[in-house]
Amino acid sequence: MPAPILLLPPPPTRQESLETLLQQITTDKAHPTLKRLLLDSAVSTVHPVLARNRWITINDEDYLRIAPAIAVATRILTGDRAMHFWHALVFGKQVSSDGKGEKSQRMYEDPDGSLPTAEREKVKQMLNELAGLVMFDCEGLNSNTFGRTIHLPERFSSNTPGGIRSLITLRRDLMDDIDLQVRPPYALLRRWFIIAVTLLHEIAHALHAARYGSGAEREFEDDGFIEIGFALEKWLFGGQPVLGEQGELLQWYYDGWGDREAVHGRFARGWASVMLERASDIWANEGEDGKIPATARDVRALNMAGGKSVLA
């Protein structure tokens, strides 16, 4: 008598897998718009530098928790204003400052215009190559630190002055505090925004090391400080968005060589409002082709242009 045929259930679809993960981190009490936002962002296009396979110490559930932050970071990372910053950082002219041999990175393109197609492609290639030089993890950091970038020893990287690999750490409790059952919607949206900005800040450090090595960072334009992550935040937002002691959103403005003043950050609160009110269509322009499931598929860094590395 032949052995009975064992029929196995079909593997879950991508949507089923995501919904299962969502059930593990939410309850029926969770705000329905937030749940939809999580699902929508989980299938939104993710830049390779932030893809699931770049995170080494978190599980799929945690990656889903911060999916909206990663989607927002992807949008800002490749937005027009950020593209000008990346282009100036790697390809812009450098001048000596104060006669001490220090280098000051200066923006020379018109930020209100568009980069030429060839220059934009160079920046895209550079960011895709960076994905092969960056990994992310989560662990406990002090309360004044949202993120940290450690440049790995050069013997583990390329033989060129650039090509330095970096490990970016996100403060663990930024993720642990994402609880859809007890936190109000706007608190969650603000938290996702802060995570997105933190990731961008640390990516700026990683890109600088990949291009110039692990030495001292360059100044940007006429900034009175040498901190490329803060330079990016100042360029994008006019200051550094942070969370206040009571969960309120503040914004640091840097003055001179590091003096700073806290003011209420209307810009970032506006982002939170837009994310909530337009959750149903905030990523509606994403086509089905090219969507990257956040929990199902590795995304490897691509050399978009081929040939010589722009980070070498």
C-alpha atoms as a PDB file:
ATOM      1  CA  MET A   1       0.000   0.000   0.000  1.00  0.00           C
ATOM      2  CA  PRO A   2       1.598   3.302  -1.020  1.00  0.00           C
ATOM      3  CA  ALA A   3       2.387   5.776   1.695  1.00  0.00           C
ATOM      4  CA  PRO A   4      -0.180   8.562   2.007  1.00  0.00           C
ATOM      5  CA  ILE A   5       0.770  11.798   0.352  1.00  0.00           C
ATOM      6  CA  LEU A   6       1.430  14.507   2.892  1.00  0.00           C
ATOM      7  CA  LEU A   7       0.017  17.785   1.686  1.00  0.00           C
ATOM      8  CA  LEU A   8       1.847  20.766   3.129  1.00  0.00           C
ATOM      9  CA  PRO A   9       0.107  24.113   3.382  1.00  0.00           C
ATOM     10  CA  PRO A  10       1.410  26.727   0.970  1.00  0.00           C
ATOM     11  CA  PRO A  11       3.958  29.144   2.394  1.00  0.00           C
ATOM     12  CA  PRO A  12       2.458  32.380   3.674  1.00  0.00           C
ATOM     13  CA  THR A  13       2.303  35.283   1.292  1.00  0.00           C
ATOM     14  CA  ARG A  14       4.276  38.422   1.999  1.00  0.00           C
ATOM     15  CA  GLN A  15       1.148  40.188   3.216  1.00  0.00           C
ATOM     16  CA  GLU A  16       0.223  37.266   5.479  1.00  0.00           C
ATOM     17  CA  SER A  17       3.713  37.241   6.966  1.00  0.00           C
ATOM     18  CA  LEU A  18       3.586  40.950   7.678  1.00  0.00           C
ATOM     19  CA  GLU A  19       0.118  40.702   9.226  1.00  0.00           C
ATOM     20  CA  THR A  20       1.326  37.880  11.467  1.00  0.00           C
ATOM     21  CA  LEU A  21       4.233  40.015  12.620  1.00  0.00           C
ATOM     22  CA  LEU A  22       1.885  42.935  13.179  1.00  0.00           C
ATOM     23  CA  GLN A  23      -0.352  40.796  15.405  1.00  0.00           C
ATOM     24  CA  GLN A  24       2.671  39.997  17.553  1.00  0.00           C
ATOM     25  CA  ILE A  25       3.321  43.640  18.366  1.00  0.00           C
ATOM     26  CA  THR A  26      -0.212  45.076  18.448  1.00  0.00           C
ATOM     27  CA  THR A  27      -3.646  44.409  19.887  1.00  0.00           C
ATOM     28  CA  ASP A  28      -7.139  45.402  18.812  1.00  0.00           C
ATOM     29  CA  LYS A  29      -6.711  48.516  20.943  1.00  0.00           C
ATOM     30  CA  ALA A  30      -4.025  49.862  18.626  1.00  0.00           C
ATOM     31  CA  HIS A  31      -4.940  52.827  16.452  1.00  0.00           C
ATOM     32  CA  PRO A  32      -6.073  51.402  13.052  1.00  0.00           C
ATOM     33  CA  THR A  33      -4.326  54.175  11.118  1.00  0.00           C
ATOM     34  CA  LEU A  34      -1.043  53.327  12.810  1.00  0.00           C
ATOM     35  CA  LYS A  35      -1.467  49.648  11.984  1.00  0.00           C
ATOM     36  CA  ARG A  36      -2.084  50.524   8.356  1.00  0.00           C
ATOM     37  CA  LEU A  37       0.918  52.829   8.379  1.00  0.00           C
ATOM     38  CA  LEU A  38       3.106  49.982   9.621  1.00  0.00           C
ATOM     39  CA  LEU A  39       1.920  47.666   6.863  1.00  0.00           C
ATOM     40  CA  ASP A  40       2.208  50.316   4.163  1.00  0.00           C
ATOM     41  CA  SER A  41       5.720  51.288   5.196  1.00  0.00           C
ATOM     42  CA  ALA A  42       6.835  47.671   5.487  1.00  0.00           C
ATOM     43  CA  VAL A  43       6.362  47.190   1.740  1.00  0.00           C
ATOM     44  CA  SER A  44       7.569  50.639   0.744  1.00  0.00           C
ATOM     45  CA  THR A  45      10.821  50.858  -1.184  1.00  0.00           C
ATOM     46  CA  VAL A  46      13.775  50.751   1.216  1.00  0.00           C
ATOM     47  CA  HIS A  47      17.181  52.079   0.246  1.00  0.00           C
ATOM     48  CA  PRO A  48      19.823  49.300   0.265  1.00  0.00           C
ATOM     49  CA  VAL A  49      21.813  51.031   3.009  1.00  0.00           C
ATOM     50  CA  LEU A  50      18.814  50.607   5.374  1.00  0.00           C
ATOM     51  CA  ALA A  51      17.634  47.201   4.144  1.00  0.00           C
ATOM     52  CA  ARG A  52      16.805  44.313   6.470  1.00  0.00           C
ATOM     53  CA  ASN A  53      20.046  42.467   5.739  1.00  0.00           C
ATOM     54  CA  ARG A  54      22.098  45.406   7.059  1.00  0.00           C
ATOM     55  CA  TRP A  55      20.672  44.961  10.600  1.00  0.00           C
ATOM     56  CA  ILE A  56      22.516  42.303  12.570  1.00  0.00           C
ATOM     57  CA  THR A  57      20.959  42.189  16.047  1.00  0.00           C
ATOM     58  CA  ILE A  58      17.233  42.752  15.631  1.00  0.00           C
ATOM     59  CA  ASN A  59      14.459  40.375  14.680  1.00  0.00           C
ATOM     60  CA  ASP A  60      11.786  40.804  12.033  1.00  0.00           C
ATOM     61  CA  GLU A  61       9.250  42.079  14.562  1.00  0.00           C
ATOM     62  CA  ASP A  62      11.562  44.881  15.658  1.00  0.00           C
ATOM     63  CA  TYR A  63      12.357  45.791  12.063  1.00  0.00           C
ATOM     64  CA  LEU A  64       8.626  46.091  11.435  1.00  0.00           C
ATOM     65  CA  ARG A  65       8.283  48.341  14.500  1.00  0.00           C
ATOM     66  CA  ILE A  66      10.598  50.896  12.922  1.00  0.00           C
ATOM     67  CA  ALA A  67       9.471  50.384   9.307  1.00  0.00           C
ATOM     68  CA  PRO A  68       7.848  53.862   9.139  1.00  0.00           C
ATOM     69  CA  ALA A  69      11.101  55.438  10.352  1.00  0.00           C
ATOM     70  CA  ILE A  70      13.082  53.544   7.721  1.00  0.00           C
ATOM     71  CA  ALA A  71      10.634  54.577   4.997  1.00  0.00           C
ATOM     72  CA  VAL A  72      10.912  58.238   6.018  1.00  0.00           C
ATOM     73  CA  ALA A  73      14.720  57.986   6.217  1.00  0.00           C
ATOM     74  CA  THR A  74      14.793  56.504   2.712  1.00  0.00           C
ATOM     75  CA  ARG A  75      12.731  59.400   1.374  1.00  0.00           C
ATOM     76  CA  ILE A  76      14.932  62.037   3.001  1.00  0.00           C
ATOM     77  CA  LEU A  77      18.183  60.222   2.141  1.00  0.00           C
ATOM     78  CA  THR A  78      17.452  60.456  -1.581  1.00  0.00           C
ATOM     79  CA  GLY A  79      15.528  63.740  -1.576  1.00  0.00           C
ATOM     80  CA  ASP A  80      16.807  66.685  -3.595  1.00  0.00           C
ATOM     81  CA  ARG A  81      18.214  68.667  -0.676  1.00  0.00           C
ATOM     82  CA  ALA A  82      20.038  65.673   0.818  1.00  0.00           C
ATOM     83  CA  MET A  83      21.418  64.761  -2.616  1.00  0.00           C
ATOM     84  CA  HIS A  84      23.064  68.199  -2.778  1.00  0.00           C
ATOM     85  CA  PHE A  85      24.632  67.592   0.645  1.00  0.00           C
ATOM     86  CA  TRP A  86      25.992  64.157  -0.313  1.00  0.00           C
ATOM     87  CA  HIS A  87      27.304  65.527  -3.600  1.00  0.00           C
ATOM     88  CA  ALA A  88      29.098  68.396  -1.879  1.00  0.00           C
ATOM     89  CA  LEU A  89      30.521  66.087   0.790  1.00  0.00           C
ATOM     90  CA  VAL A  90      32.111  63.694  -1.690  1.00  0.00           C
ATOM     91  CA  PHE A  91      32.494  65.634  -4.939  1.00  0.00           C
ATOM     92  CA  GLY A  92      32.418  69.306  -3.908  1.00  0.00           C
ATOM     93  CA  LYS A  93      35.481  71.526  -3.793  1.00  0.00           C
ATOM     94  CA  GLN A  94      37.428  71.774  -0.545  1.00  0.00           C
ATOM     95  CA  VAL A  95      39.318  74.786   0.735  1.00  0.00           C
ATOM     96  CA  SER A  96      41.776  75.226   3.573  1.00  0.00           C
ATOM     97  CA  SER A  97      40.442  77.127   6.570  1.00  0.00           C
ATOM     98  CA  ASP A  98      42.249  79.252   9.163  1.00  0.00           C
ATOM     99  CA  GLY A  99      45.574  78.511   7.496  1.00  0.00           C
ATOM    100  CA  LYS A 100      45.958  75.396   9.635  1.00  0.00           C
ATOM    101  CA  GLY A 101      45.584  72.866   6.872  1.00  0.00           C
ATOM    102  CA  GLU A 102      42.092  71.943   7.988  1.00  0.00           C
ATOM    103  CA  LYS A 103      39.604  71.295   5.217  1.00  0.00           C
ATOM    104  CA  SER A 104      36.242  72.956   4.932  1.00  0.00           C
ATOM    105  CA  GLN A 105      33.617  71.336   2.719  1.00  0.00           C
ATOM    106  CA  ARG A 106      31.626  73.970   0.864  1.00  0.00           C
ATOM    107  CA  MET A 107      28.424  73.704  -1.129  1.00  0.00           C
ATOM    108  CA  TYR A 108      28.730  75.281  -4.544  1.00  0.00           C
ATOM    109  CA  GLU A 109      25.609  74.012  -6.354  1.00  0.00           C
ATOM    110  CA  ASP A 110      22.367  75.959  -6.207  1.00  0.00           C
ATOM    111  CA  PRO A 111      20.283  74.068  -3.599  1.00  0.00           C
ATOM    112  CA  ASP A 112      17.086  75.251  -5.257  1.00  0.00           C
ATOM    113  CA  GLY A 113      18.091  73.754  -8.585  1.00  0.00           C
ATOM    114  CA  SER A 114      18.653  70.199  -9.686  1.00  0.00           C
ATOM    115  CA  LEU A 115      21.896  68.308  -9.918  1.00  0.00           C
ATOM    116  CA  PRO A 116      22.833  67.411 -13.485  1.00  0.00           C
ATOM    117  CA  THR A 117      21.792  63.874 -14.342  1.00  0.00           C
ATOM    118  CA  ALA A 118      25.375  62.618 -14.469  1.00  0.00           C
ATOM    119  CA  GLU A 119      26.144  64.058 -11.022  1.00  0.00           C
ATOM    120  CA  ARG A 120      22.941  62.651  -9.549  1.00  0.00           C
ATOM    121  CA  GLU A 121      23.869  59.197 -10.865  1.00  0.00           C
ATOM    122  CA  LYS A 122      27.270  59.501  -9.182  1.00  0.00           C
ATOM    123  CA  VAL A 123      25.555  60.220  -5.867  1.00  0.00           C
ATOM    124  CA  LYS A 124      23.172  57.280  -6.337  1.00  0.00           C
ATOM    125  CA  GLN A 125      26.107  54.989  -7.051  1.00  0.00           C
ATOM    126  CA  MET A 126      27.938  56.283  -3.992  1.00  0.00           C
ATOM    127  CA  LEU A 127      24.965  55.658  -1.682  1.00  0.00           C
ATOM    128  CA  ASN A 128      24.458  52.164  -3.073  1.00  0.00           C
ATOM    129  CA  GLU A 129      28.123  51.337  -2.544  1.00  0.00           C
ATOM    130  CA  LEU A 130      27.847  52.614   1.013  1.00  0.00           C
ATOM    131  CA  ALA A 131      25.342  49.837   1.731  1.00  0.00           C
ATOM    132  CA  GLY A 132      28.203  47.346   1.507  1.00  0.00           C
ATOM    133  CA  LEU A 133      30.206  49.262   4.115  1.00  0.00           C
ATOM    134  CA  VAL A 134      27.570  49.792   6.835  1.00  0.00           C
ATOM    135  CA  MET A 135      25.861  47.509   9.336  1.00  0.00           C
ATOM    136  CA  PHE A 136      23.302  48.422  12.031  1.00  0.00           C
ATOM    137  CA  ASP A 137      22.597  47.080  15.501  1.00  0.00           C
ATOM    138  CA  CYS A 138      20.690  48.116  18.638  1.00  0.00           C
ATOM    139  CA  GLU A 139      22.009  48.268  22.183  1.00  0.00           C
ATOM    140  CA  GLY A 140      21.890  50.353  25.305  1.00  0.00           C
ATOM    141  CA  LEU A 141      23.453  53.809  25.010  1.00  0.00           C
ATOM    142  CA  ASN A 142      23.456  56.701  27.452  1.00  0.00           C
ATOM    143  CA  SER A 143      20.341  58.841  27.648  1.00  0.00           C
ATOM    144  CA  ASN A 144      21.962  61.722  25.768  1.00  0.00           C
ATOM    145  CA  THR A 145      22.837  59.576  22.759  1.00  0.00           C
ATOM    146  CA  PHE A 146      20.292  58.424  20.181  1.00  0.00           C
ATOM    147  CA  GLY A 147      22.831  56.724  17.941  1.00  0.00           C
ATOM    148  CA  ARG A 148      26.527  55.968  17.552  1.00  0.00           C
ATOM    149  CA  THR A 149      28.857  55.167  14.676  1.00  0.00           C
ATOM    150  CA  ILE A 150      32.010  53.116  15.181  1.00  0.00           C
ATOM    151  CA  HIS A 151      34.492  52.952  12.327  1.00  0.00           C
ATOM    152  CA  LEU A 152      36.024  49.492  12.095  1.00  0.00           C
ATOM    153  CA  PRO A 153      39.823  49.138  11.903  1.00  0.00           C
ATOM    154  CA  GLU A 154      41.182  49.816   8.442  1.00  0.00           C
ATOM    155  CA  ARG A 155      42.646  46.319   8.195  1.00  0.00           C
ATOM    156  CA  PHE A 156      39.065  45.059   7.895  1.00  0.00           C
ATOM    157  CA  SER A 157      38.271  47.514   5.118  1.00  0.00           C
ATOM    158  CA  SER A 158      39.686  48.364   1.721  1.00  0.00           C
ATOM    159  CA  ASN A 159      43.275  49.373   1.061  1.00  0.00           C
ATOM    160  CA  THR A 160      42.252  52.814  -0.169  1.00  0.00           C
ATOM    161  CA  PRO A 161      42.091  55.887   2.099  1.00  0.00           C
ATOM    162  CA  GLY A 162      38.321  55.583   1.935  1.00  0.00           C
ATOM    163  CA  GLY A 163      36.282  52.423   2.077  1.00  0.00           C
ATOM    164  CA  ILE A 164      36.200  52.365   5.879  1.00  0.00           C
ATOM    165  CA  ARG A 165      33.444  50.132   7.231  1.00  0.00           C
ATOM    166  CA  SER A 166      31.160  51.396   9.982  1.00  0.00           C
ATOM    167  CA  LEU A 167      28.852  49.883  12.592  1.00  0.00           C
ATOM    168  CA  ILE A 168      25.896  52.141  13.395  1.00  0.00           C
ATOM    169  CA  THR A 169      24.124  51.564  16.710  1.00  0.00           C
ATOM    170  CA  LEU A 170      20.583  52.761  17.440  1.00  0.00           C
ATOM    171  CA  ARG A 171      19.747  53.257  21.108  1.00  0.00           C
ATOM    172  CA  ARG A 172      17.735  50.232  22.131  1.00  0.00           C
ATOM    173  CA  ASP A 173      15.024  51.968  24.130  1.00  0.00           C
ATOM    174  CA  LEU A 174      14.040  54.076  21.113  1.00  0.00           C
ATOM    175  CA  MET A 175      12.715  50.819  19.715  1.00  0.00           C
ATOM    176  CA  ASP A 176      11.533  49.287  22.986  1.00  0.00           C
ATOM    177  CA  ASP A 177       9.309  52.307  23.667  1.00  0.00           C
ATOM    178  CA  ILE A 178       7.314  51.737  20.470  1.00  0.00           C
ATOM    179  CA  ASP A 179       4.186  50.247  22.010  1.00  0.00           C
ATOM    180  CA  LEU A 180       1.073  50.715  19.915  1.00  0.00           C
ATOM    181  CA  GLN A 181      -1.176  49.708  22.806  1.00  0.00           C
ATOM    182  CA  VAL A 182      -0.306  52.453  25.261  1.00  0.00           C
ATOM    183  CA  ARG A 183       1.405  55.290  23.402  1.00  0.00           C
ATOM    184  CA  PRO A 184      -0.727  57.995  21.751  1.00  0.00           C
ATOM    185  CA  PRO A 185      -0.482  58.150  17.958  1.00  0.00           C
ATOM    186  CA  TYR A 186       1.407  61.438  17.805  1.00  0.00           C
ATOM    187  CA  ALA A 187       4.013  60.182  20.287  1.00  0.00           C
ATOM    188  CA  LEU A 188       4.665  57.193  18.040  1.00  0.00           C
ATOM    189  CA  LEU A 189       4.912  59.352  14.937  1.00  0.00           C
ATOM    190  CA  ARG A 190       7.372  61.659  16.656  1.00  0.00           C
ATOM    191  CA  ARG A 191       9.398  58.670  17.790  1.00  0.00           C
ATOM    192  CA  TRP A 192       9.558  57.265  14.256  1.00  0.00           C
ATOM    193  CA  PHE A 193      10.676  60.672  12.999  1.00  0.00           C
ATOM    194  CA  ILE A 194      13.440  60.883  15.622  1.00  0.00           C
ATOM    195  CA  ILE A 195      14.657  57.401  14.648  1.00  0.00           C
ATOM    196  CA  ALA A 196      14.689  58.419  10.978  1.00  0.00           C
ATOM    197  CA  VAL A 197      16.755  61.530  11.714  1.00  0.00           C
ATOM    198  CA  THR A 198      19.133  59.546  13.931  1.00  0.00           C
ATOM    199  CA  LEU A 199      19.748  57.028  11.149  1.00  0.00           C
ATOM    200  CA  LEU A 200      20.467  59.825   8.660  1.00  0.00           C
ATOM    201  CA  HIS A 201      22.834  61.522  11.128  1.00  0.00           C
ATOM    202  CA  GLU A 202      24.864  58.348  11.590  1.00  0.00           C
ATOM    203  CA  ILE A 203      24.840  57.534   7.864  1.00  0.00           C
ATOM    204  CA  ALA A 204      26.535  60.910   7.306  1.00  0.00           C
ATOM    205  CA  HIS A 205      29.382  59.824   9.613  1.00  0.00           C
ATOM    206  CA  ALA A 206      29.643  56.487   7.817  1.00  0.00           C
ATOM    207  CA  LEU A 207      29.759  58.124   4.390  1.00  0.00           C
ATOM    208  CA  HIS A 208      32.472  60.549   5.487  1.00  0.00           C
ATOM    209  CA  ALA A 209      34.594  57.647   6.741  1.00  0.00           C
ATOM    210  CA  ALA A 210      33.938  55.624   3.597  1.00  0.00           C
ATOM    211  CA  ARG A 211      35.196  58.488   1.439  1.00  0.00           C
ATOM    212  CA  TYR A 212      37.966  60.032   3.529  1.00  0.00           C
ATOM    213  CA  GLY A 213      38.973  57.445   6.112  1.00  0.00           C
ATOM    214  CA  SER A 214      38.626  57.505   9.873  1.00  0.00           C
ATOM    215  CA  GLY A 215      40.490  60.761  10.541  1.00  0.00           C
ATOM    216  CA  ALA A 216      39.061  64.115  11.567  1.00  0.00           C
ATOM    217  CA  GLU A 217      35.857  65.158   9.860  1.00  0.00           C
ATOM    218  CA  ARG A 218      35.589  68.194   7.628  1.00  0.00           C
ATOM    219  CA  GLU A 219      33.623  71.344   8.257  1.00  0.00           C
ATOM    220  CA  PHE A 220      30.629  72.058   6.091  1.00  0.00           C
ATOM    221  CA  GLU A 221      30.125  75.483   4.548  1.00  0.00           C
ATOM    222  CA  ASP A 222      30.409  78.153   7.246  1.00  0.00           C
ATOM    223  CA  ASP A 223      29.396  75.945  10.178  1.00  0.00           C
ATOM    224  CA  GLY A 224      31.218  76.798  13.382  1.00  0.00           C
ATOM    225  CA  PHE A 225      31.546  73.152  14.395  1.00  0.00           C
ATOM    226  CA  ILE A 226      33.075  69.988  12.979  1.00  0.00           C
ATOM    227  CA  GLU A 227      30.393  67.293  13.191  1.00  0.00           C
ATOM    228  CA  ILE A 228      29.130  66.024   9.857  1.00  0.00           C
ATOM    229  CA  GLY A 229      25.971  64.447  11.315  1.00  0.00           C
ATOM    230  CA  PHE A 230      24.857  67.737  12.861  1.00  0.00           C
ATOM    231  CA  ALA A 231      25.862  69.524   9.647  1.00  0.00           C
ATOM    232  CA  LEU A 232      23.399  67.326   7.746  1.00  0.00           C
ATOM    233  CA  GLU A 233      20.608  68.034  10.245  1.00  0.00           C
ATOM    234  CA  LYS A 234      21.279  71.768  10.081  1.00  0.00           C
ATOM    235  CA  TRP A 235      21.270  71.619   6.271  1.00  0.00           C
ATOM    236  CA  LEU A 236      18.019  69.639   6.130  1.00  0.00           C
ATOM    237  CA  PHE A 237      16.029  70.983   9.087  1.00  0.00           C
ATOM    238  CA  GLY A 238      17.776  74.074  10.417  1.00  0.00           C
ATOM    239  CA  GLY A 239      18.629  72.259  13.646  1.00  0.00           C
ATOM    240  CA  GLN A 240      18.633  68.930  15.454  1.00  0.00           C
ATOM    241  CA  PRO A 241      15.162  67.545  16.303  1.00  0.00           C
ATOM    242  CA  VAL A 242      15.152  65.783  19.697  1.00  0.00           C
ATOM    243  CA  LEU A 243      12.639  64.582  22.293  1.00  0.00           C
ATOM    244  CA  GLY A 244      12.212  66.585  25.467  1.00  0.00           C
ATOM    245  CA  GLU A 245      12.049  65.116  28.967  1.00  0.00           C
ATOM    246  CA  GLN A 246       8.245  64.900  28.858  1.00  0.00           C
ATOM    247  CA  GLY A 247       8.164  63.485  25.332  1.00  0.00           C
ATOM    248  CA  GLU A 248       7.646  66.895  23.730  1.00  0.00           C
ATOM    249  CA  LEU A 249       9.553  67.586  20.550  1.00  0.00           C
ATOM    250  CA  LEU A 250      12.309  70.169  20.794  1.00  0.00           C
ATOM    251  CA  GLN A 251      14.855  71.360  18.286  1.00  0.00           C
ATOM    252  CA  TRP A 252      18.466  72.292  18.990  1.00  0.00           C
ATOM    253  CA  TYR A 253      19.971  75.186  17.082  1.00  0.00           C
ATOM    254  CA  TYR A 254      23.758  75.318  17.065  1.00  0.00           C
ATOM    255  CA  ASP A 255      25.497  78.647  17.514  1.00  0.00           C
ATOM    256  CA  GLY A 256      29.213  79.204  17.093  1.00  0.00           C
ATOM    257  CA  TRP A 257      31.314  76.264  18.252  1.00  0.00           C
ATOM    258  CA  GLY A 258      28.629  74.223  19.900  1.00  0.00           C
ATOM    259  CA  ASP A 259      26.482  76.498  22.068  1.00  0.00           C
ATOM    260  CA  ARG A 260      22.892  75.527  21.520  1.00  0.00           C
ATOM    261  CA  GLU A 261      19.422  76.703  22.362  1.00  0.00           C
ATOM    262  CA  ALA A 262      16.306  74.541  22.628  1.00  0.00           C
ATOM    263  CA  VAL A 263      13.128  75.722  20.927  1.00  0.00           C
ATOM    264  CA  HIS A 264       9.917  73.974  20.023  1.00  0.00           C
ATOM    265  CA  GLY A 265      10.357  72.230  16.689  1.00  0.00           C
ATOM    266  CA  ARG A 266       7.348  73.091  14.549  1.00  0.00           C
ATOM    267  CA  PHE A 267       8.911  71.487  11.483  1.00  0.00           C
ATOM    268  CA  ALA A 268       9.177  68.002  12.961  1.00  0.00           C
ATOM    269  CA  ARG A 269       5.724  68.178  14.542  1.00  0.00           C
ATOM    270  CA  GLY A 270       4.454  68.982  11.077  1.00  0.00           C
ATOM    271  CA  TRP A 271       6.021  65.778   9.795  1.00  0.00           C
ATOM    272  CA  ALA A 272       4.202  63.800  12.476  1.00  0.00           C
ATOM    273  CA  SER A 273       0.901  65.397  11.543  1.00  0.00           C
ATOM    274  CA  VAL A 274       1.372  64.673   7.847  1.00  0.00           C
ATOM    275  CA  MET A 275       2.318  61.064   8.555  1.00  0.00           C
ATOM    276  CA  LEU A 276      -0.860  60.490  10.540  1.00  0.00           C
ATOM    277  CA  GLU A 277      -3.324  62.426   8.416  1.00  0.00           C
ATOM    278  CA  ARG A 278      -2.056  61.023   5.127  1.00  0.00           C
ATOM    279  CA  ALA A 279      -1.216  57.499   6.257  1.00  0.00           C
ATOM    280  CA  SER A 280      -3.471  56.014   3.606  1.00  0.00           C
ATOM    281  CA  ASP A 281      -1.627  57.666   0.740  1.00  0.00           C
ATOM    282  CA  ILE A 282       1.748  58.854   2.039  1.00  0.00           C
ATOM    283  CA  TRP A 283       3.437  56.139  -0.005  1.00  0.00           C
ATOM    284  CA  ALA A 284       0.651  55.761  -2.570  1.00  0.00           C
ATOM    285  CA  ASN A 285       2.977  56.789  -5.374  1.00  0.00           C
ATOM    286  CA  GLU A 286       5.108  53.700  -4.876  1.00  0.00           C
ATOM    287  CA  GLY A 287       4.511  51.308  -7.755  1.00  0.00           C
ATOM    288  CA  GLU A 288       4.185  47.588  -7.181  1.00  0.00           C
ATOM    289  CA  ASP A 289       7.370  46.935  -9.126  1.00  0.00           C
ATOM    290  CA  GLY A 290      10.464  47.426  -7.058  1.00  0.00           C
ATOM    291  CA  LYS A 291       8.787  47.291  -3.671  1.00  0.00           C
ATOM    292  CA  ILE A 292      11.038  45.625  -1.147  1.00  0.00           C
ATOM    293  CA  PRO A 293       9.371  43.555   1.604  1.00  0.00           C
ATOM    294  CA  ALA A 294      11.012  44.608   4.825  1.00  0.00           C
ATOM    295  CA  THR A 295      11.028  41.143   6.358  1.00  0.00           C
ATOM    296  CA  ALA A 296      11.270  38.746   3.469  1.00  0.00           C
ATOM    297  CA  ARG A 297      14.077  39.585   1.086  1.00  0.00           C
ATOM    298  CA  ASP A 298      17.680  40.672   1.384  1.00  0.00           C
ATOM    299  CA  VAL A 299      18.668  43.686  -0.651  1.00  0.00           C
ATOM    300  CA  ARG A 300      22.274  43.692  -1.727  1.00  0.00           C
ATOM    301  CA  ALA A 301      24.236  46.813  -2.579  1.00  0.00           C
ATOM    302  CA  LEU A 302      24.318  47.492  -6.305  1.00  0.00           C
ATOM    303  CA  ASN A 303      26.995  49.293  -8.269  1.00  0.00           C
ATOM    304  CA  MET A 304      24.546  51.299 -10.335  1.00  0.00           C
ATOM    305  CA  ALA A 305      27.065  52.703 -12.789  1.00  0.00           C
ATOM    306  CA  GLY A 306      29.666  49.939 -12.887  1.00  0.00           C
ATOM    307  CA  GLY A 307      33.366  50.617 -13.267  1.00  0.00           C
ATOM    308  CA  LYS A 308      35.457  52.378 -10.664  1.00  0.00           C
ATOM    309  CA  SER A 309      34.048  52.904  -7.198  1.00  0.00           C
ATOM    310  CA  VAL A 310      33.234  56.507  -6.377  1.00  0.00           C
ATOM    311  CA  LEU A 311      34.246  55.827  -2.765  1.00  0.00           C
ATOM    312  CA  ALA A 312      37.759  54.670  -3.632  1.00  0.00           C
END
